[in-house]
C-alpha atoms as a PDB file:
ATOM      1  CA  MET A   1      45.992 -14.042   1.057  1.00  0.00           C
ATOM      2  CA  LEU A   2      44.809 -11.015   3.019  1.00  0.00           C
ATOM      3  CA  ARG A   3      41.521  -9.499   1.838  1.00  0.00           C
ATOM      4  CA  VAL A   4      40.871  -5.737   1.665  1.00  0.00           C
ATOM      5  CA  LEU A   5      37.488  -4.139   0.908  1.00  0.00           C
ATOM      6  CA  VAL A   6      37.661  -0.662  -0.680  1.00  0.00           C
ATOM      7  CA  VAL A   7      34.540   1.462  -0.117  1.00  0.00           C
ATOM      8  CA  ASP A   8      34.327   4.667  -2.184  1.00  0.00           C
ATOM      9  CA  ASP A   9      31.630   6.044  -4.497  1.00  0.00           C
ATOM     10  CA  GLU A  10      34.280   7.499  -6.826  1.00  0.00           C
ATOM     11  CA  SER A  11      34.614   4.329  -8.879  1.00  0.00           C
ATOM     12  CA  TYR A  12      37.843   5.302 -10.623  1.00  0.00           C
ATOM     13  CA  LEU A  13      39.525   5.958  -7.269  1.00  0.00           C
ATOM     14  CA  ALA A  14      38.192   2.755  -5.700  1.00  0.00           C
ATOM     15  CA  ASP A  15      39.391   0.739  -8.690  1.00  0.00           C
ATOM     16  CA  LEU A  16      42.801   2.437  -8.614  1.00  0.00           C
ATOM     17  CA  VAL A  17      43.300   1.658  -4.923  1.00  0.00           C
ATOM     18  CA  ALA A  18      42.060  -1.926  -5.402  1.00  0.00           C
ATOM     19  CA  THR A  19      44.399  -2.463  -8.343  1.00  0.00           C
ATOM     20  CA  ALA A  20      47.390  -1.128  -6.391  1.00  0.00           C
ATOM     21  CA  LEU A  21      46.548  -3.460  -3.509  1.00  0.00           C
ATOM     22  CA  ARG A  22      46.274  -6.449  -5.842  1.00  0.00           C
ATOM     23  CA  TYR A  23      49.737  -5.624  -7.167  1.00  0.00           C
ATOM     24  CA  GLU A  24      50.926  -5.773  -3.555  1.00  0.00           C
ATOM     25  CA  GLY A  25      49.502  -9.264  -3.145  1.00  0.00           C
ATOM     26  CA  PHE A  26      46.155  -8.517  -1.491  1.00  0.00           C
ATOM     27  CA  ASP A  27      42.811  -9.925  -2.563  1.00  0.00           C
ATOM     28  CA  THR A  28      40.389  -7.017  -3.053  1.00  0.00           C
ATOM     29  CA  ALA A  29      36.728  -6.173  -3.475  1.00  0.00           C
ATOM     30  CA  VAL A  30      35.051  -2.811  -4.114  1.00  0.00           C
ATOM     31  CA  ALA A  31      31.811  -1.260  -2.849  1.00  0.00           C
ATOM     32  CA  GLY A  32      30.334   2.089  -3.897  1.00  0.00           C
ATOM     33  CA  SER A  33      28.020   2.754  -0.953  1.00  0.00           C
ATOM     34  CA  GLY A  34      27.493   1.978   2.705  1.00  0.00           C
ATOM     35  CA  GLY A  35      24.765  -0.541   1.905  1.00  0.00           C
ATOM     36  CA  ALA A  36      26.969  -2.300  -0.634  1.00  0.00           C
ATOM     37  CA  ALA A  37      29.796  -2.348   1.902  1.00  0.00           C
ATOM     38  CA  LEU A  38      27.605  -4.096   4.487  1.00  0.00           C
ATOM     39  CA  ALA A  39      26.671  -6.748   1.918  1.00  0.00           C
ATOM     40  CA  GLN A  40      30.279  -7.201   0.765  1.00  0.00           C
ATOM     41  CA  VAL A  41      31.494  -7.679   4.328  1.00  0.00           C
ATOM     42  CA  GLU A  42      29.125 -10.623   4.701  1.00  0.00           C
ATOM     43  CA  MET A  43      30.315 -12.251   1.462  1.00  0.00           C
ATOM     44  CA  PHE A  44      33.964 -11.197   1.257  1.00  0.00           C
ATOM     45  CA  ARG A  45      34.971 -11.309   4.949  1.00  0.00           C
ATOM     46  CA  PRO A  46      37.748  -8.709   4.624  1.00  0.00           C
ATOM     47  CA  HIS A  47      40.755  -8.539   6.918  1.00  0.00           C
ATOM     48  CA  LEU A  48      40.703  -4.725   6.529  1.00  0.00           C
ATOM     49  CA  ILE A  49      38.363  -2.076   5.093  1.00  0.00           C
ATOM     50  CA  VAL A  50      39.410   1.149   3.346  1.00  0.00           C
ATOM     51  CA  MET A  51      36.385   3.413   3.892  1.00  0.00           C
ATOM     52  CA  ASP A  52      35.613   6.791   2.333  1.00  0.00           C
ATOM     53  CA  VAL A  53      33.953   9.086   4.862  1.00  0.00           C
ATOM     54  CA  MET A  54      31.500  10.599   2.352  1.00  0.00           C
ATOM     55  CA  LEU A  55      29.197   7.992   0.782  1.00  0.00           C
ATOM     56  CA  PRO A  56      25.987   8.484  -1.226  1.00  0.00           C
ATOM     57  CA  ASP A  57      23.735   6.756   1.321  1.00  0.00           C
ATOM     58  CA  GLY A  58      25.307   8.146   4.484  1.00  0.00           C
ATOM     59  CA  SER A  59      28.725   8.545   5.980  1.00  0.00           C
ATOM     60  CA  GLY A  60      31.513   6.032   6.239  1.00  0.00           C
ATOM     61  CA  ILE A  61      31.502   6.739   9.958  1.00  0.00           C
ATOM     62  CA  ASP A  62      27.856   5.622  10.235  1.00  0.00           C
ATOM     63  CA  THR A  63      28.605   2.564   8.107  1.00  0.00           C
ATOM     64  CA  THR A  64      31.506   1.658  10.388  1.00  0.00           C
ATOM     65  CA  ARG A  65      29.247   2.067  13.426  1.00  0.00           C
ATOM     66  CA  ARG A  66      26.769  -0.378  11.850  1.00  0.00           C
ATOM     67  CA  LEU A  67      29.573  -2.815  11.042  1.00  0.00           C
ATOM     68  CA  ARG A  68      30.814  -2.747  14.603  1.00  0.00           C
ATOM     69  CA  GLY A  69      27.250  -3.209  15.857  1.00  0.00           C
ATOM     70  CA  SER A  70      26.875  -6.300  13.685  1.00  0.00           C
ATOM     71  CA  GLY A  71      30.055  -7.821  15.094  1.00  0.00           C
ATOM     72  CA  CYS A  72      32.505  -6.998  12.267  1.00  0.00           C
ATOM     73  CA  LEU A  73      35.868  -6.284  13.863  1.00  0.00           C
ATOM     74  CA  ALA A  74      37.910  -5.789  10.676  1.00  0.00           C
ATOM     75  CA  PRO A  75      40.136  -2.702  11.066  1.00  0.00           C
ATOM     76  CA  VAL A  76      39.075   0.396   9.103  1.00  0.00           C
ATOM     77  CA  VAL A  77      41.270   2.982   7.392  1.00  0.00           C
ATOM     78  CA  PHE A  78      39.244   6.098   6.542  1.00  0.00           C
ATOM     79  CA  LEU A  79      39.740   8.117   3.340  1.00  0.00           C
ATOM     80  CA  THR A  80      38.442  11.654   3.095  1.00  0.00           C
ATOM     81  CA  ALA A  81      38.947  15.057   1.524  1.00  0.00           C
ATOM     82  CA  ARG A  82      38.279  16.551   4.929  1.00  0.00           C
ATOM     83  CA  ASP A  83      41.076  17.503   7.272  1.00  0.00           C
ATOM     84  CA  ALA A  84      38.967  18.590  10.255  1.00  0.00           C
ATOM     85  CA  THR A  85      40.089  17.306  13.637  1.00  0.00           C
ATOM     86  CA  GLN A  86      36.484  16.577  14.663  1.00  0.00           C
ATOM     87  CA  ASP A  87      35.986  14.305  11.657  1.00  0.00           C
ATOM     88  CA  LYS A  88      39.115  12.382  12.547  1.00  0.00           C
ATOM     89  CA  ILE A  89      38.048  12.047  16.170  1.00  0.00           C
ATOM     90  CA  ALA A  90      34.581  10.846  15.101  1.00  0.00           C
ATOM     91  CA  GLY A  91      36.060   8.232  12.787  1.00  0.00           C
ATOM     92  CA  LEU A  92      38.484   6.921  15.380  1.00  0.00           C
ATOM     93  CA  THR A  93      35.814   6.947  18.096  1.00  0.00           C
ATOM     94  CA  VAL A  94      33.499   4.561  16.222  1.00  0.00           C
ATOM     95  CA  GLY A  95      36.308   2.060  15.767  1.00  0.00           C
ATOM     96  CA  GLY A  96      38.412   3.374  12.902  1.00  0.00           C
ATOM     97  CA  ASP A  97      42.092   2.474  13.049  1.00  0.00           C
ATOM     98  CA  ASP A  98      43.696   5.130  10.831  1.00  0.00           C
ATOM     99  CA  TYR A  99      42.784   8.174   8.768  1.00  0.00           C
ATOM    100  CA  VAL A 100      44.259   9.207   5.387  1.00  0.00           C
ATOM    101  CA  THR A 101      43.447  12.599   3.876  1.00  0.00           C
ATOM    102  CA  LYS A 102      43.095  13.109   0.118  1.00  0.00           C
ATOM    103  CA  PRO A 103      45.198  13.650  -1.894  1.00  0.00           C
ATOM    104  CA  PHE A 104      47.397  10.762  -0.807  1.00  0.00           C
ATOM    105  CA  SER A 105      50.075   8.610  -2.381  1.00  0.00           C
ATOM    106  CA  LEU A 106      49.300   4.957  -2.974  1.00  0.00           C
ATOM    107  CA  GLU A 107      52.622   4.121  -1.351  1.00  0.00           C
ATOM    108  CA  GLU A 108      51.574   5.904   1.855  1.00  0.00           C
ATOM    109  CA  LEU A 109      48.138   4.267   1.899  1.00  0.00           C
ATOM    110  CA  ILE A 110      49.595   0.786   1.431  1.00  0.00           C
ATOM    111  CA  ALA A 111      52.184   1.432   4.138  1.00  0.00           C
ATOM    112  CA  ARG A 112      49.416   2.514   6.535  1.00  0.00           C
ATOM    113  CA  ILE A 113      47.339  -0.549   5.645  1.00  0.00           C
ATOM    114  CA  ARG A 114      50.285  -2.826   6.396  1.00  0.00           C
ATOM    115  CA  ALA A 115      50.937  -0.993   9.676  1.00  0.00           C
ATOM    116  CA  VAL A 116      47.307  -1.376  10.772  1.00  0.00           C
ATOM    117  CA  LEU A 117      47.316  -5.067   9.852  1.00  0.00           C
ATOM    118  CA  ARG A 118      50.477  -5.564  11.899  1.00  0.00           C
ATOM    119  CA  ARG A 119      48.941  -3.813  14.908  1.00  0.00           C
ATOM    120  CA  THR A 120      45.701  -5.754  14.732  1.00  0.00           C
ATOM    121  CA  ALA A 121      47.047  -9.190  13.747  1.00  0.00           C
ATOM    122  CA  GLY A 122      46.144 -12.045  16.046  1.00  0.00           C
ATOM    123  CA  PRO A 123      48.734 -14.318  17.672  1.00  0.00           C
ATOM    124  CA  GLY A 124      50.781 -16.147  15.066  1.00  0.00           C
ATOM    125  CA  GLU A 125      49.451 -14.075  12.151  1.00  0.00           C
ATOM    126  CA  ARG A 126      52.055 -12.467   9.904  1.00  0.00           C
ATOM    127  CA  ALA A 127      51.780 -10.550   6.654  1.00  0.00           C
ATOM    128  CA  GLY A 128      53.448 -12.098   3.638  1.00  0.00           C
ATOM    129  CA  VAL A 129      53.136 -14.332   0.596  1.00  0.00           C
ATOM    130  CA  SER A 130      54.468 -17.752  -0.311  1.00  0.00           C
ATOM    131  CA  TYR A 131      54.748 -20.185  -3.204  1.00  0.00           C
ATOM    132  CA  ALA A 132      55.941 -23.777  -3.049  1.00  0.00           C
ATOM    133  CA  ASP A 133      58.904 -23.753  -0.618  1.00  0.00           C
ATOM    134  CA  LEU A 134      59.505 -19.991  -0.986  1.00  0.00           C
ATOM    135  CA  GLU A 135      58.254 -17.797   1.865  1.00  0.00           C
ATOM    136  CA  ILE A 136      58.266 -13.997   2.134  1.00  0.00           C
ATOM    137  CA  ASP A 137      57.641 -12.416   5.531  1.00  0.00           C
ATOM    138  CA  ASP A 138      56.697  -8.744   5.123  1.00  0.00           C
ATOM    139  CA  ASP A 139      56.842  -7.964   8.833  1.00  0.00           C
ATOM    140  CA  ALA A 140      60.353  -9.322   9.327  1.00  0.00           C
ATOM    141  CA  TYR A 141      61.454  -8.374   5.792  1.00  0.00           C
ATOM    142  CA  GLU A 142      62.764 -11.902   5.382  1.00  0.00           C
ATOM    143  CA  VAL A 143      62.841 -14.452   2.561  1.00  0.00           C
ATOM    144  CA  ARG A 144      63.305 -18.186   3.047  1.00  0.00           C
ATOM    145  CA  ARG A 145      63.675 -20.970   0.487  1.00  0.00           C
ATOM    146  CA  GLN A 146      63.362 -24.502   1.850  1.00  0.00           C
ATOM    147  CA  GLY A 147      63.621 -22.915   5.281  1.00  0.00           C
ATOM    148  CA  VAL A 148      66.982 -21.308   4.509  1.00  0.00           C
ATOM    149  CA  PRO A 149      67.220 -17.483   4.870  1.00  0.00           C
ATOM    150  CA  VAL A 150      67.989 -15.654   1.617  1.00  0.00           C
ATOM    151  CA  ASP A 151      69.598 -12.220   1.838  1.00  0.00           C
ATOM    152  CA  LEU A 152      68.091  -9.751  -0.674  1.00  0.00           C
ATOM    153  CA  THR A 153      68.527  -6.064  -1.387  1.00  0.00           C
ATOM    154  CA  PRO A 154      65.393  -3.857  -1.069  1.00  0.00           C
ATOM    155  CA  THR A 155      64.861  -3.849  -4.843  1.00  0.00           C
ATOM    156  CA  GLU A 156      65.357  -7.607  -5.096  1.00  0.00           C
ATOM    157  CA  PHE A 157      62.881  -8.091  -2.241  1.00  0.00           C
ATOM    158  CA  LYS A 158      60.265  -5.912  -3.923  1.00  0.00           C
ATOM    159  CA  LEU A 159      60.723  -7.620  -7.298  1.00  0.00           C
ATOM    160  CA  LEU A 160      60.502 -11.108  -5.794  1.00  0.00           C
ATOM    161  CA  ARG A 161      57.426 -10.205  -3.769  1.00  0.00           C
ATOM    162  CA  TYR A 162      55.696  -8.869  -6.863  1.00  0.00           C
ATOM    163  CA  LEU A 163      56.452 -12.055  -8.780  1.00  0.00           C
ATOM    164  CA  VAL A 164      55.331 -14.325  -5.929  1.00  0.00           C
ATOM    165  CA  ALA A 165      52.137 -12.322  -5.303  1.00  0.00           C
ATOM    166  CA  HIS A 166      51.240 -13.093  -8.935  1.00  0.00           C
ATOM    167  CA  ALA A 167      52.594 -16.639  -9.071  1.00  0.00           C
ATOM    168  CA  GLY A 168      51.449 -18.454 -12.191  1.00  0.00           C
ATOM    169  CA  ARG A 169      50.782 -15.210 -14.060  1.00  0.00           C
ATOM    170  CA  VAL A 170      53.253 -14.048 -16.708  1.00  0.00           C
ATOM    171  CA  LEU A 171      54.337 -10.457 -15.998  1.00  0.00           C
ATOM    172  CA  THR A 172      55.769  -8.294 -18.755  1.00  0.00           C
ATOM    173  CA  LYS A 173      58.870  -6.186 -18.300  1.00  0.00           C
ATOM    174  CA  ARG A 174      56.681  -3.078 -18.560  1.00  0.00           C
ATOM    175  CA  GLN A 175      54.448  -4.264 -15.714  1.00  0.00           C
ATOM    176  CA  ILE A 176      57.469  -5.056 -13.581  1.00  0.00           C
ATOM    177  CA  LEU A 177      59.060  -1.666 -14.284  1.00  0.00           C
ATOM    178  CA  GLU A 178      55.893   0.226 -13.430  1.00  0.00           C
ATOM    179  CA  HIS A 179      55.401  -1.660 -10.195  1.00  0.00           C
ATOM    180  CA  VAL A 180      58.891  -2.241  -8.823  1.00  0.00           C
ATOM    181  CA  TRP A 181      60.506   1.005  -9.994  1.00  0.00           C
ATOM    182  CA  GLU A 182      57.182   2.879  -9.650  1.00  0.00           C
ATOM    183  CA  TYR A 183      57.275   5.167 -12.632  1.00  0.00           C
ATOM    184  CA  ASP A 184      56.670   5.301 -16.359  1.00  0.00           C
ATOM    185  CA  PHE A 185      59.968   3.980 -17.642  1.00  0.00           C
ATOM    186  CA  GLY A 186      60.982   5.586 -20.925  1.00  0.00           C
ATOM    187  CA  GLY A 187      64.397   4.002 -21.425  1.00  0.00           C
ATOM    188  CA  SER A 188      65.903   0.535 -21.584  1.00  0.00           C
ATOM    189  CA  ASP A 189      64.143  -2.286 -19.758  1.00  0.00           C
ATOM    190  CA  ALA A 190      67.435  -4.130 -19.247  1.00  0.00           C
ATOM    191  CA  VAL A 191      67.244  -3.366 -15.522  1.00  0.00           C
ATOM    192  CA  VAL A 192      64.500  -5.995 -15.215  1.00  0.00           C
ATOM    193  CA  GLN A 193      66.631  -8.715 -16.797  1.00  0.00           C
ATOM    194  CA  THR A 194      69.562  -7.666 -14.623  1.00  0.00           C
ATOM    195  CA  TYR A 195      67.578  -8.008 -11.396  1.00  0.00           C
ATOM    196  CA  ILE A 196      65.960 -11.267 -12.508  1.00  0.00           C
ATOM    197  CA  SER A 197      69.502 -12.581 -12.946  1.00  0.00           C
ATOM    198  CA  TYR A 198      70.409 -11.393  -9.436  1.00  0.00           C
ATOM    199  CA  LEU A 199      67.349 -13.150  -7.984  1.00  0.00           C
ATOM    200  CA  ARG A 200      68.066 -16.416  -9.787  1.00  0.00           C
ATOM    201  CA  ARG A 201      71.555 -16.553  -8.294  1.00  0.00           C
ATOM    202  CA  LYS A 202      69.983 -16.413  -4.841  1.00  0.00           C
ATOM    203  CA  ILE A 203      66.591 -18.124  -5.174  1.00  0.00           C
ATOM    204  CA  ASP A 204      67.174 -20.753  -7.853  1.00  0.00           C
ATOM    205  CA  VAL A 205      70.312 -22.221  -6.338  1.00  0.00           C
ATOM    206  CA  PHE A 206      67.672 -24.496  -4.796  1.00  0.00           C
ATOM    207  CA  GLU A 207      65.723 -27.110  -6.756  1.00  0.00           C
ATOM    208  CA  PRO A 208      63.304 -26.899  -8.422  1.00  0.00           C
ATOM    209  CA  PRO A 209      63.868 -23.515 -10.086  1.00  0.00           C
ATOM    210  CA  LEU A 210      60.949 -21.106  -9.713  1.00  0.00           C
ATOM    211  CA  ILE A 211      61.777 -18.005 -11.786  1.00  0.00           C
ATOM    212  CA  GLN A 212      60.851 -18.798 -15.376  1.00  0.00           C
ATOM    213  CA  THR A 213      61.339 -16.794 -18.574  1.00  0.00           C
ATOM    214  CA  VAL A 214      58.564 -16.701 -21.160  1.00  0.00           C
ATOM    215  CA  PRO A 215      60.407 -15.671 -24.346  1.00  0.00           C
ATOM    216  CA  ARG A 216      59.376 -12.316 -25.824  1.00  0.00           C
ATOM    217  CA  VAL A 217      56.766 -11.881 -23.058  1.00  0.00           C
ATOM    218  CA  GLY A 218      58.208 -11.662 -19.543  1.00  0.00           C
ATOM    219  CA  TYR A 219      58.696 -13.668 -16.357  1.00  0.00           C
ATOM    220  CA  VAL A 220      56.635 -15.880 -14.089  1.00  0.00           C
ATOM    221  CA  ILE A 221      57.009 -17.716 -10.784  1.00  0.00           C
ATOM    222  CA  ARG A 222      56.107 -21.375 -11.253  1.00  0.00           C
ATOM    223  CA  VAL A 223      57.698 -24.794 -10.989  1.00  0.00           C
ATOM    224  CA  ALA A 224      59.367 -25.720 -14.286  1.00  0.00           C
ATOM    225  CA  ASP A 225      57.908 -28.709 -16.135  1.00  0.00           C
ATOM    226  CA  GLY A 226      60.056 -31.809 -16.170  1.00  0.00           C
ATOM    227  CA  GLY A 227      62.683 -30.337 -13.871  1.00  0.00           C
ATOM    228  CA  SER A 228      63.930 -27.944 -16.552  1.00  0.00           C
ATOM    229  CA  ARG A 229      65.752 -24.840 -15.469  1.00  0.00           C
ATOM    230  CA  GLY A 230      63.037 -22.964 -17.362  1.00  0.00           C
ATOM    231  CA  ARG A 231      65.271 -20.233 -18.792  1.00  0.00           C
ATOM    232  CA  SER A 232      65.467 -19.053 -22.341  1.00  0.00           C
ATOM    233  CA  ALA A 233      68.704 -18.083 -24.081  1.00  0.00           C
ATOM    234  CA  PRO A 234      70.191 -14.869 -22.671  1.00  0.00           C
ATOM    235  CA  GLU A 235      68.493 -11.736 -23.924  1.00  0.00           C
ATOM    236  CA  PRO A 236      70.718  -9.094 -25.488  1.00  0.00           C
ATOM    237  CA  GLY A 237      71.495  -5.838 -23.797  1.00  0.00           C
ATOM    238  CA  ALA A 238      71.457  -6.925 -20.165  1.00  0.00           C
ATOM    239  CA  GLY A 239      73.462  -4.767 -17.848  1.00  0.00           C
ATOM    240  CA  ALA A 240      73.377  -2.577 -14.808  1.00  0.00           C
ATOM    241  CA  VAL A 241      70.908   0.285 -15.021  1.00  0.00           C
ATOM    242  CA  SER A 242      70.444   3.037 -12.506  1.00  0.00           C
ATOM    243  CA  GLU A 243      67.254   2.887 -10.480  1.00  0.00           C
ATOM    244  CA  PRO A 244      64.739   5.735 -10.617  1.00  0.00           C
ATOM    245  CA  GLY A 245      62.560   7.251  -7.975  1.00  0.00           C
ATOM    246  CA  PRO A 246      59.188   7.395  -6.279  1.00  0.00           C
ATOM    247  CA  GLY A 247      55.559   6.962  -7.322  1.00  0.00           C
ATOM    248  CA  ALA A 248      52.570   9.204  -7.850  1.00  0.00           C
ATOM    249  CA  ALA A 249      49.929  10.822  -5.687  1.00  0.00           C
ATOM    250  CA  VAL A 250      46.224  10.011  -5.743  1.00  0.00           C
ATOM    251  CA  SER A 251      43.481  12.537  -5.191  1.00  0.00           C
ATOM    252  CA  GLY A 252      39.719  12.432  -5.101  1.00  0.00           C
ATOM    253  CA  GLU A 253      37.122  15.007  -5.900  1.00  0.00           C
ATOM    254  CA  GLY A 254      37.028  17.580  -3.157  1.00  0.00           C
ATOM    255  CA  ARG A 255      34.138  16.932  -0.863  1.00  0.00           C
END
């Protein structure tokens, strides 16, 4: 699992970004200062660092310079309320790889993080998640089960990736709605059951089945005990539901 360190002294913003990244399948850690970031890098060994430019004990640019001087080559994506060209040049000059200005959408930040990881990946490294014989390749946008390609729609791909990134953890319909459809769903949650059914027809045609229903709770990716198909009786009200739109923006205190 790819590790991302989020460095920002606005704790609510750092936690929000870290939580969003965990939902996307990343392992995360948070630091609130440049000094804490240097210590976390030693312990956490991140594949990428999200770095606020303004920190309480100096600038993120200075912290990045110290990281590079100590031999840390993890790519850095800067966050800042500033939009000055000189600040961007300074950040990129010391070894930053991208620059995101507040306010930003979590979707944009995650897309930029993935793009930077693709650019900086070593030979043979690819972004993705896997469980048992199920593999998801983010770069190629491909899914394979037992080595066989599985054709999924964009929504099916996103739902499956979310489930696999949290394999072994039961996810409620509300959690799935908020993540996959990216908004506060106020209507029927039947769309989740509908798409779970679609996925089972494509993923669980192989043995053993992986998509399990936990009655009255939600769904989980795990191997069923005793070879059972792991499905409860059909839930009422399943049917096609129209899909809603995009997610929210994130801002920090102006600095």
